[in-house]
């Protein structure tokens, strides 16, 4: 093996290590949420724990395979104040881990502005929770409570 091919092999190994080590660490630290049945209404409970009010509740069904139905919520600090900040949250249940994860992968594979809406998706047991707008102060209060569920 001559010097140029040795440098090329070492360079490829070094670049692969630089890329693969952080990806491997991230994969180990951030395991997927296990599929489990969460009893009750996790969003309503999380909103109450965060000091928020549920102003409106509507049944909804996403047009994705495995979705079994869910609820859309309007959440605010004050339901009576028309100037209060509000967020819209949809909670959708799925019949299996595979269908839930397929819906999550489909959402994440879309580019923002094309087919993907601008919002945030959180996994809670058998549910996918979609929050819009994702940069709201209300969401910053609600997200930690949801993740506890």
N, C-alpha and C. Protein backbone atom coordinates (compact mmCIF):
# COMPACT_ATOMS: atom_id res chain seq x y z
N UNK A 1 0.86 -1.17 0.00
CA UNK A 1 0.00 0.00 0.00
C UNK A 1 0.90 1.23 0.00
N UNK A 2 0.63 2.14 -0.92
CA UNK A 2 1.46 3.34 -0.97
C UNK A 2 0.92 4.41 -0.01
N UNK A 3 1.65 5.48 0.09
CA UNK A 3 1.33 6.53 1.05
C UNK A 3 0.01 7.22 0.75
N UNK A 4 -0.33 7.44 -0.53
CA UNK A 4 -1.59 8.11 -0.89
C UNK A 4 -2.80 7.27 -0.51
N UNK A 5 -2.76 5.98 -0.76
CA UNK A 5 -3.91 5.14 -0.41
C UNK A 5 -4.04 5.00 1.10
N UNK A 6 -2.94 4.99 1.82
CA UNK A 6 -3.00 4.94 3.28
C UNK A 6 -3.65 6.20 3.85
N UNK A 7 -3.28 7.36 3.31
CA UNK A 7 -3.87 8.63 3.73
C UNK A 7 -5.37 8.64 3.40
N UNK A 8 -5.75 8.12 2.25
CA UNK A 8 -7.16 8.08 1.86
C UNK A 8 -7.96 7.18 2.80
N UNK A 9 -7.44 6.02 3.14
CA UNK A 9 -8.14 5.09 4.03
C UNK A 9 -8.28 5.71 5.43
N UNK A 10 -7.22 6.29 5.94
CA UNK A 10 -7.27 6.93 7.25
C UNK A 10 -8.26 8.09 7.24
N UNK A 11 -8.29 8.87 6.17
CA UNK A 11 -9.22 10.00 6.06
C UNK A 11 -10.66 9.52 6.07
N UNK A 12 -10.96 8.47 5.33
CA UNK A 12 -12.32 7.93 5.29
C UNK A 12 -12.73 7.42 6.66
N UNK A 13 -11.84 6.70 7.34
CA UNK A 13 -12.15 6.19 8.68
C UNK A 13 -12.36 7.33 9.67
N UNK A 14 -11.53 8.36 9.57
CA UNK A 14 -11.67 9.51 10.46
C UNK A 14 -12.99 10.25 10.23
N UNK A 15 -13.38 10.48 8.99
CA UNK A 15 -14.65 11.16 8.68
C UNK A 15 -15.82 10.31 9.15
N UNK A 16 -15.76 8.99 8.91
CA UNK A 16 -16.84 8.11 9.36
C UNK A 16 -16.97 8.14 10.88
N UNK A 17 -15.84 8.16 11.59
CA UNK A 17 -15.89 8.21 13.05
C UNK A 17 -16.46 9.53 13.54
N UNK A 18 -16.11 10.63 12.89
CA UNK A 18 -16.62 11.94 13.28
C UNK A 18 -18.12 12.01 13.11
N UNK A 19 -18.65 11.37 12.10
CA UNK A 19 -20.09 11.39 11.84
C UNK A 19 -20.81 10.35 12.70
N UNK A 20 -20.28 9.15 12.79
CA UNK A 20 -21.00 8.05 13.43
C UNK A 20 -21.01 8.12 14.96
N UNK A 21 -19.98 8.65 15.56
CA UNK A 21 -19.94 8.69 17.03
C UNK A 21 -21.05 9.58 17.59
N UNK A 22 -21.25 10.82 17.12
CA UNK A 22 -22.37 11.62 17.66
C UNK A 22 -23.74 11.02 17.34
N UNK A 23 -23.88 10.44 16.15
CA UNK A 23 -25.17 9.82 15.79
C UNK A 23 -25.45 8.64 16.71
N UNK A 24 -24.43 7.83 16.98
CA UNK A 24 -24.60 6.68 17.87
C UNK A 24 -24.94 7.10 19.29
N UNK A 25 -24.29 8.14 19.78
CA UNK A 25 -24.58 8.63 21.13
C UNK A 25 -26.01 9.17 21.20
N UNK A 26 -26.42 9.92 20.19
CA UNK A 26 -27.78 10.46 20.18
C UNK A 26 -28.82 9.33 20.12
N UNK A 27 -28.54 8.30 19.34
CA UNK A 27 -29.48 7.18 19.25
C UNK A 27 -29.60 6.44 20.58
N UNK A 28 -28.51 6.30 21.30
CA UNK A 28 -28.55 5.62 22.59
C UNK A 28 -29.23 6.45 23.67
N UNK A 29 -29.02 7.76 23.64
CA UNK A 29 -29.60 8.62 24.67
C UNK A 29 -31.07 8.91 24.46
N UNK A 30 -31.55 8.89 23.24
CA UNK A 30 -32.92 9.27 22.94
C UNK A 30 -33.68 8.08 22.36
N UNK A 31 -34.01 7.15 23.23
CA UNK A 31 -34.77 5.98 22.80
C UNK A 31 -36.21 6.38 22.52
N UNK A 32 -36.84 5.66 21.63
CA UNK A 32 -38.24 5.94 21.28
C UNK A 32 -39.15 5.68 22.48
N UNK A 33 -40.22 6.44 22.55
CA UNK A 33 -41.23 6.26 23.60
C UNK A 33 -41.89 4.90 23.39
N UNK A 34 -41.91 4.05 24.42
CA UNK A 34 -42.54 2.75 24.25
C UNK A 34 -44.06 2.89 24.09
N UNK A 35 -44.62 1.99 23.32
CA UNK A 35 -46.07 1.97 23.15
C UNK A 35 -46.67 1.38 24.42
N UNK A 36 -47.52 2.14 25.05
CA UNK A 36 -48.20 1.68 26.25
C UNK A 36 -49.55 2.37 26.30
N UNK A 37 -50.47 1.79 26.97
CA UNK A 37 -51.80 2.37 27.10
C UNK A 37 -51.78 3.38 28.24
N UNK A 38 -52.10 4.63 27.92
CA UNK A 38 -52.18 5.69 28.91
C UNK A 38 -53.66 5.91 29.21
N UNK A 39 -54.01 5.75 30.46
CA UNK A 39 -55.40 5.88 30.88
C UNK A 39 -55.78 7.35 31.04
N UNK A 40 -57.07 7.64 30.90
CA UNK A 40 -57.58 8.98 31.11
C UNK A 40 -57.29 9.91 29.94
N UNK A 41 -57.30 11.20 30.21
CA UNK A 41 -57.01 12.21 29.21
C UNK A 41 -55.68 12.88 29.58
N UNK A 42 -54.58 12.41 29.02
CA UNK A 42 -53.28 12.95 29.42
C UNK A 42 -53.13 14.44 29.13
N UNK A 43 -53.74 14.92 28.07
CA UNK A 43 -53.59 16.34 27.75
C UNK A 43 -54.33 17.21 28.76
N UNK A 44 -55.54 16.84 29.08
CA UNK A 44 -56.32 17.62 30.05
C UNK A 44 -55.61 17.64 31.41
N UNK A 45 -55.07 16.49 31.82
CA UNK A 45 -54.36 16.41 33.09
C UNK A 45 -53.08 17.25 33.06
N UNK A 46 -52.35 17.21 31.94
CA UNK A 46 -51.12 18.01 31.81
C UNK A 46 -51.44 19.50 31.80
N UNK A 47 -52.52 19.89 31.13
CA UNK A 47 -52.91 21.30 31.09
C UNK A 47 -53.25 21.80 32.49
N UNK A 48 -54.01 21.02 33.24
CA UNK A 48 -54.36 21.42 34.60
C UNK A 48 -53.11 21.52 35.47
N UNK A 49 -52.18 20.57 35.31
CA UNK A 49 -50.94 20.61 36.09
C UNK A 49 -50.08 21.82 35.75
N UNK A 50 -50.17 22.29 34.50
CA UNK A 50 -49.40 23.47 34.07
C UNK A 50 -50.13 24.77 34.37
N UNK A 51 -51.34 24.69 34.92
CA UNK A 51 -52.10 25.89 35.25
C UNK A 51 -52.81 26.49 34.05
N UNK A 52 -53.11 25.68 33.05
CA UNK A 52 -53.81 26.15 31.84
C UNK A 52 -55.25 25.67 31.85
N UNK A 53 -56.08 26.32 31.03
CA UNK A 53 -57.50 25.97 30.97
C UNK A 53 -57.84 25.41 29.58
N UNK A 54 -58.70 24.40 29.58
CA UNK A 54 -59.21 23.84 28.32
C UNK A 54 -60.46 24.63 27.97
N UNK A 55 -60.42 25.34 26.84
CA UNK A 55 -61.54 26.22 26.45
C UNK A 55 -62.52 25.53 25.51
N UNK A 56 -62.05 24.61 24.69
CA UNK A 56 -62.92 23.96 23.71
C UNK A 56 -62.40 22.55 23.45
N UNK A 57 -63.33 21.61 23.26
CA UNK A 57 -62.98 20.21 22.99
C UNK A 57 -63.82 19.73 21.81
N UNK A 58 -63.16 19.11 20.82
CA UNK A 58 -63.83 18.58 19.63
C UNK A 58 -63.25 17.21 19.30
N UNK A 59 -64.11 16.27 18.93
CA UNK A 59 -63.62 14.96 18.48
C UNK A 59 -63.00 15.09 17.10
N UNK A 60 -61.96 14.28 16.84
CA UNK A 60 -61.27 14.33 15.56
C UNK A 60 -60.73 12.95 15.21
N UNK A 61 -60.50 12.72 13.93
CA UNK A 61 -59.89 11.48 13.45
C UNK A 61 -58.94 11.83 12.32
N UNK A 62 -57.66 11.52 12.50
CA UNK A 62 -56.68 11.77 11.47
C UNK A 62 -56.82 10.74 10.36
N UNK A 63 -56.56 11.14 9.16
CA UNK A 63 -56.66 10.26 8.00
C UNK A 63 -55.33 9.54 7.77
N UNK A 64 -54.95 8.72 8.75
CA UNK A 64 -53.73 7.92 8.65
C UNK A 64 -54.05 6.50 9.10
N UNK A 65 -53.38 5.50 8.55
CA UNK A 65 -53.66 4.12 8.95
C UNK A 65 -53.38 3.89 10.43
N UNK A 66 -54.28 3.21 11.09
CA UNK A 66 -54.11 2.87 12.50
C UNK A 66 -54.66 3.87 13.48
N UNK A 67 -55.06 5.05 13.03
CA UNK A 67 -55.62 6.05 13.93
C UNK A 67 -57.00 5.58 14.39
N UNK A 68 -57.24 5.65 15.70
CA UNK A 68 -58.51 5.17 16.24
C UNK A 68 -59.39 6.29 16.76
N UNK A 69 -58.97 7.52 16.60
CA UNK A 69 -59.77 8.66 17.04
C UNK A 69 -59.04 9.47 18.09
N UNK A 70 -59.49 10.68 18.25
CA UNK A 70 -58.84 11.55 19.20
C UNK A 70 -59.66 12.78 19.48
N UNK A 71 -58.98 13.77 20.02
CA UNK A 71 -59.64 14.98 20.46
C UNK A 71 -58.79 16.19 20.12
N UNK A 72 -59.43 17.27 19.71
CA UNK A 72 -58.75 18.55 19.47
C UNK A 72 -59.15 19.49 20.60
N UNK A 73 -58.16 20.15 21.17
CA UNK A 73 -58.37 21.06 22.30
C UNK A 73 -57.92 22.46 21.93
N UNK A 74 -58.58 23.45 22.49
CA UNK A 74 -58.09 24.82 22.47
C UNK A 74 -57.77 25.14 23.93
N UNK A 75 -56.51 25.52 24.16
CA UNK A 75 -56.02 25.73 25.52
C UNK A 75 -55.53 27.16 25.67
N UNK A 76 -55.81 27.75 26.83
CA UNK A 76 -55.44 29.14 27.06
C UNK A 76 -55.20 29.37 28.55
N UNK A 77 -54.66 30.54 28.86
CA UNK A 77 -54.57 30.97 30.26
C UNK A 77 -55.94 31.36 30.78
N UNK A 78 -56.72 32.00 29.89
CA UNK A 78 -58.04 32.49 30.27
C UNK A 78 -58.99 32.30 29.09
N UNK A 79 -60.05 31.54 29.31
CA UNK A 79 -61.01 31.30 28.24
C UNK A 79 -61.92 32.50 27.99
N UNK A 80 -62.03 33.39 28.96
CA UNK A 80 -62.94 34.53 28.83
C UNK A 80 -62.27 35.76 28.24
N UNK A 81 -60.96 35.85 28.29
CA UNK A 81 -60.24 37.01 27.77
C UNK A 81 -59.96 36.81 26.28
N UNK A 82 -60.55 37.64 25.41
CA UNK A 82 -60.34 37.46 23.96
C UNK A 82 -58.90 37.75 23.52
N UNK A 83 -58.13 38.47 24.34
CA UNK A 83 -56.74 38.77 23.99
C UNK A 83 -55.75 37.76 24.55
N UNK A 84 -56.23 36.75 25.26
CA UNK A 84 -55.34 35.75 25.86
C UNK A 84 -54.74 34.88 24.77
N UNK A 85 -53.53 34.45 24.99
CA UNK A 85 -52.85 33.56 24.05
C UNK A 85 -53.51 32.18 24.09
N UNK A 86 -53.66 31.56 22.93
CA UNK A 86 -54.24 30.22 22.86
C UNK A 86 -53.35 29.32 22.01
N UNK A 87 -53.45 28.03 22.27
CA UNK A 87 -52.81 27.04 21.42
C UNK A 87 -53.84 25.98 21.06
N UNK A 88 -53.64 25.36 19.92
CA UNK A 88 -54.51 24.27 19.48
C UNK A 88 -53.72 22.98 19.61
N UNK A 89 -54.31 22.00 20.27
CA UNK A 89 -53.63 20.73 20.51
C UNK A 89 -54.54 19.60 20.05
N UNK A 90 -53.99 18.70 19.23
CA UNK A 90 -54.73 17.51 18.80
C UNK A 90 -54.06 16.28 19.38
N UNK A 91 -54.87 15.40 19.95
CA UNK A 91 -54.40 14.15 20.51
C UNK A 91 -55.05 13.03 19.72
N UNK A 92 -54.23 12.14 19.16
CA UNK A 92 -54.74 11.05 18.34
C UNK A 92 -54.21 9.72 18.88
N UNK A 93 -55.12 8.77 19.11
CA UNK A 93 -54.73 7.44 19.59
C UNK A 93 -54.48 6.52 18.40
N UNK A 94 -53.60 5.54 18.60
CA UNK A 94 -53.27 4.58 17.55
C UNK A 94 -53.43 3.17 18.08
N UNK A 95 -53.74 2.24 17.17
CA UNK A 95 -54.02 0.87 17.57
C UNK A 95 -52.78 0.02 17.81
N UNK A 96 -51.60 0.47 17.35
CA UNK A 96 -50.38 -0.29 17.56
C UNK A 96 -49.16 0.62 17.52
N UNK A 97 -48.06 0.11 18.03
CA UNK A 97 -46.81 0.86 18.01
C UNK A 97 -46.37 1.12 16.57
N UNK A 98 -46.57 0.14 15.70
CA UNK A 98 -46.15 0.28 14.31
C UNK A 98 -46.91 1.40 13.60
N UNK A 99 -48.21 1.47 13.80
CA UNK A 99 -49.00 2.51 13.13
C UNK A 99 -48.68 3.89 13.71
N UNK A 100 -48.48 3.96 15.02
CA UNK A 100 -48.12 5.24 15.64
C UNK A 100 -46.77 5.72 15.12
N UNK A 101 -45.79 4.83 15.09
CA UNK A 101 -44.45 5.21 14.64
C UNK A 101 -44.42 5.51 13.14
N UNK A 102 -45.26 4.82 12.35
CA UNK A 102 -45.34 5.12 10.92
C UNK A 102 -45.90 6.52 10.70
N UNK A 103 -46.90 6.91 11.47
CA UNK A 103 -47.45 8.26 11.36
C UNK A 103 -46.41 9.30 11.77
N UNK A 104 -45.64 9.00 12.80
CA UNK A 104 -44.58 9.90 13.25
C UNK A 104 -43.50 10.04 12.18
N UNK A 105 -43.07 8.92 11.60
CA UNK A 105 -42.05 8.97 10.54
C UNK A 105 -42.56 9.73 9.32
N UNK A 106 -43.82 9.55 8.98
CA UNK A 106 -44.40 10.27 7.84
C UNK A 106 -44.38 11.77 8.10
N UNK A 107 -44.76 12.18 9.30
CA UNK A 107 -44.75 13.59 9.66
C UNK A 107 -43.34 14.16 9.58
N UNK A 108 -42.37 13.45 10.14
CA UNK A 108 -41.00 13.95 10.18
C UNK A 108 -40.33 13.95 8.80
N UNK A 109 -40.81 13.11 7.90
CA UNK A 109 -40.19 13.04 6.57
C UNK A 109 -40.64 14.19 5.66
N UNK A 110 -41.71 14.87 6.00
CA UNK A 110 -42.19 15.98 5.18
C UNK A 110 -41.39 17.24 5.48
N UNK A 111 -41.20 18.07 4.47
CA UNK A 111 -40.50 19.33 4.70
C UNK A 111 -41.52 20.39 5.10
N UNK A 112 -41.11 21.26 6.01
CA UNK A 112 -41.99 22.32 6.49
C UNK A 112 -42.33 23.24 5.32
N UNK A 113 -43.59 23.57 5.21
CA UNK A 113 -44.04 24.46 4.14
C UNK A 113 -44.59 23.70 2.95
N UNK A 114 -44.26 22.44 2.82
CA UNK A 114 -44.81 21.62 1.74
C UNK A 114 -46.03 20.88 2.28
N UNK A 115 -45.82 19.65 2.73
CA UNK A 115 -46.93 18.87 3.26
C UNK A 115 -46.96 18.88 4.78
N UNK A 116 -45.90 19.33 5.41
CA UNK A 116 -45.79 19.29 6.87
C UNK A 116 -46.27 20.60 7.47
N UNK A 117 -47.26 20.53 8.36
CA UNK A 117 -47.70 21.75 9.04
C UNK A 117 -46.65 22.20 10.05
N UNK A 118 -46.68 23.47 10.38
CA UNK A 118 -45.72 24.02 11.33
C UNK A 118 -46.29 23.82 12.73
N UNK A 119 -45.74 22.87 13.42
CA UNK A 119 -46.18 22.56 14.77
C UNK A 119 -45.19 21.60 15.40
N UNK A 120 -45.53 21.04 16.54
CA UNK A 120 -44.66 20.11 17.23
C UNK A 120 -45.43 18.85 17.57
N UNK A 121 -44.76 17.72 17.44
CA UNK A 121 -45.39 16.43 17.70
C UNK A 121 -44.70 15.78 18.89
N UNK A 122 -45.49 15.32 19.86
CA UNK A 122 -44.98 14.66 21.05
C UNK A 122 -45.64 13.28 21.13
N UNK A 123 -44.85 12.28 21.53
CA UNK A 123 -45.37 10.92 21.70
C UNK A 123 -45.63 10.69 23.18
N UNK A 124 -46.86 10.26 23.48
CA UNK A 124 -47.25 9.93 24.85
C UNK A 124 -47.98 8.60 24.81
N UNK A 125 -47.28 7.51 25.09
CA UNK A 125 -47.90 6.18 25.07
C UNK A 125 -48.45 5.85 23.70
N UNK A 126 -49.76 5.55 23.63
CA UNK A 126 -50.40 5.23 22.35
C UNK A 126 -50.83 6.47 21.58
N UNK A 127 -50.55 7.65 22.11
CA UNK A 127 -51.00 8.90 21.50
C UNK A 127 -49.87 9.65 20.78
N UNK A 128 -50.26 10.36 19.73
CA UNK A 128 -49.44 11.41 19.15
C UNK A 128 -50.14 12.71 19.49
N UNK A 129 -49.39 13.67 20.01
CA UNK A 129 -49.94 14.96 20.42
C UNK A 129 -49.32 16.02 19.53
N UNK A 130 -50.16 16.71 18.75
CA UNK A 130 -49.71 17.76 17.85
C UNK A 130 -50.10 19.12 18.43
N UNK A 131 -49.11 20.01 18.57
CA UNK A 131 -49.34 21.32 19.18
C UNK A 131 -48.99 22.40 18.18
N UNK A 132 -49.89 23.39 18.07
CA UNK A 132 -49.68 24.51 17.15
C UNK A 132 -50.12 25.79 17.83
N UNK A 133 -49.35 26.83 17.90
CA UNK A 133 -47.97 26.99 17.43
C UNK A 133 -46.99 26.39 18.43
N UNK A 134 -45.89 25.91 17.90
CA UNK A 134 -44.90 25.21 18.72
C UNK A 134 -44.00 26.16 19.52
N UNK A 135 -43.97 27.43 19.16
CA UNK A 135 -43.09 28.38 19.85
C UNK A 135 -43.82 29.21 20.90
N UNK A 136 -44.99 28.80 21.29
CA UNK A 136 -45.81 29.52 22.25
C UNK A 136 -45.29 29.32 23.68
N UNK A 137 -45.47 30.33 24.51
CA UNK A 137 -45.14 30.20 25.93
C UNK A 137 -46.03 29.16 26.61
N UNK A 138 -47.27 29.04 26.14
CA UNK A 138 -48.17 28.04 26.71
C UNK A 138 -47.65 26.63 26.43
N UNK A 139 -47.11 26.41 25.23
CA UNK A 139 -46.56 25.10 24.90
C UNK A 139 -45.34 24.80 25.76
N UNK A 140 -44.54 25.82 26.04
CA UNK A 140 -43.36 25.63 26.88
C UNK A 140 -43.76 25.22 28.30
N UNK A 141 -44.92 25.62 28.75
CA UNK A 141 -45.43 25.21 30.06
C UNK A 141 -46.07 23.83 30.00
N UNK A 142 -46.72 23.53 28.86
CA UNK A 142 -47.46 22.27 28.73
C UNK A 142 -46.55 21.10 28.43
N UNK A 143 -45.50 21.27 27.63
CA UNK A 143 -44.65 20.17 27.18
C UNK A 143 -44.02 19.38 28.33
N UNK A 144 -43.45 20.03 29.35
CA UNK A 144 -42.87 19.23 30.44
C UNK A 144 -43.90 18.37 31.18
N UNK A 145 -45.10 18.88 31.32
CA UNK A 145 -46.16 18.10 31.99
C UNK A 145 -46.59 16.92 31.13
N UNK A 146 -46.64 17.11 29.81
CA UNK A 146 -46.99 16.01 28.90
C UNK A 146 -45.92 14.92 28.94
N UNK A 147 -44.67 15.33 28.99
CA UNK A 147 -43.58 14.36 28.97
C UNK A 147 -43.55 13.53 30.26
N UNK A 148 -44.12 14.05 31.34
CA UNK A 148 -44.21 13.29 32.58
C UNK A 148 -45.20 12.14 32.46
N UNK A 149 -46.15 12.26 31.56
CA UNK A 149 -47.19 11.24 31.40
C UNK A 149 -46.59 10.03 30.73
